[in-house]
Each structure stands twice: as structure tokens, then as C-alpha cells.
């Protein structure tokens, strides 16, 4: 190949968890509306993530509509000059009766439902909340649209700012080499991200936070 011809890289999607919010610090379920912004630490985390991503030739930035995710995405937008776009499909999943309550109040139900999802019971839910099937029903078509839209462009890199719960339960449905059990056994700290590449028309996980996946 001539030296002046750049080698095209695969389409990449970086699935990032938002920075630290007041809801994280206070351990409150806060998955609806516009509340619980980033803490001062979270603002610093978002700025650090934005600086790290500013060298990666970002093509597009999408974010959950929840405040902590929007603030994180805005920092990336400010650093890259790429406008952020709100995407409801990437919001955190609804925990029903535990919204605005402390984590301790819902911990048993939350963990029980998550374990049932991992075991394959995708239709169970916390009272008033979303099932895993419903999470995937909004998330998967959105990712499919991104692939259709950007896969013909040269070396696109997309950022999706979302939430730990949604990413843990939805990514196994869009990344061909990631199982529910693998996702469940891993954590995503604030501003960690999962890197996926498009290979043979399939998205594959190549990195989960600091862990090389393949």
C-alpha cells in the first residue's frame, strides 16, 4: 500500500458510563427526570474523560437524557467540538417503586431481578419498572441504526454515554462475543467504557474498561 494512503480502521463504538453524580454518592435510585447532577468529583472525571477522548477523532456523541449522562457528554462535546445528541434508548432502566429511594430499600429486589435476567428470565421486573426484554427492545434497534448509518463511513468512532445497569444488561444483546454472565461479572466505574469494533458486520467487544477482551 502506498505510504500516503491511510489504513482504514473498523467502526468503533465506545459505550461509556457517566461520571459520578449526587445520586451515586447518596446511593439513591434516580433513573427518571432531570435531577441529581454531577458532583465536583464527577465534573473532574468528565473533564478527564473528555480530554482522553479528544484525541480519538470522534465522529458523533450520543447520550442518555438523564442529567448525569448529559453533563458527561457535554464535557466530551466541549472538548471535541462535536455536538451531543440526546438518545432516549440509552437511558438507565426504570426501577419502578424504588425510584428516588435509597439503594438499601431496593437492594434485594434489584439483585434478584438482575440474577433472573442473567439466568434467562427476561420478562420479570421490579414492580412498576422495566424488564430486560424492554431494555433491549429500545437499545438494540438504536445500535443497529448506528451501524447502518455509520458503517460505510471511513473509520467512524462513536461515543454513547449511558448507565451501568443498562449497559450491563443490554450490551450482551449487541456484542456478539459478550455473554450475560461475562457482563454481570464485570463492573463499570464512573467514566469507564466498553470499546466495540465492527467486524464482518458484527459488533465485538475488544475492551471492557481496562481489560482487553479479545
Foldseek 3Di string as FASTA:
>chain_A
DDPVDDDFDFEKEKEWEFFAWQCNVQQAAAQDDEDTEHDPRRLVLLLVLLVVCQPVPADAEEEEPYRRGVSSRVSNCVSNVHDYHYANLQTAWFQAPRHGHHCVVCVVVVVVLLVVVLVPPQQDHHVGTHGLVVSQVSNVVVVVVVCVVPRVPGHHYYYYYHHFRSCLSRVCVQAVPDGNVNSVVDGHHHGFIWMWGQDPNGTHTQDGRPRGDD
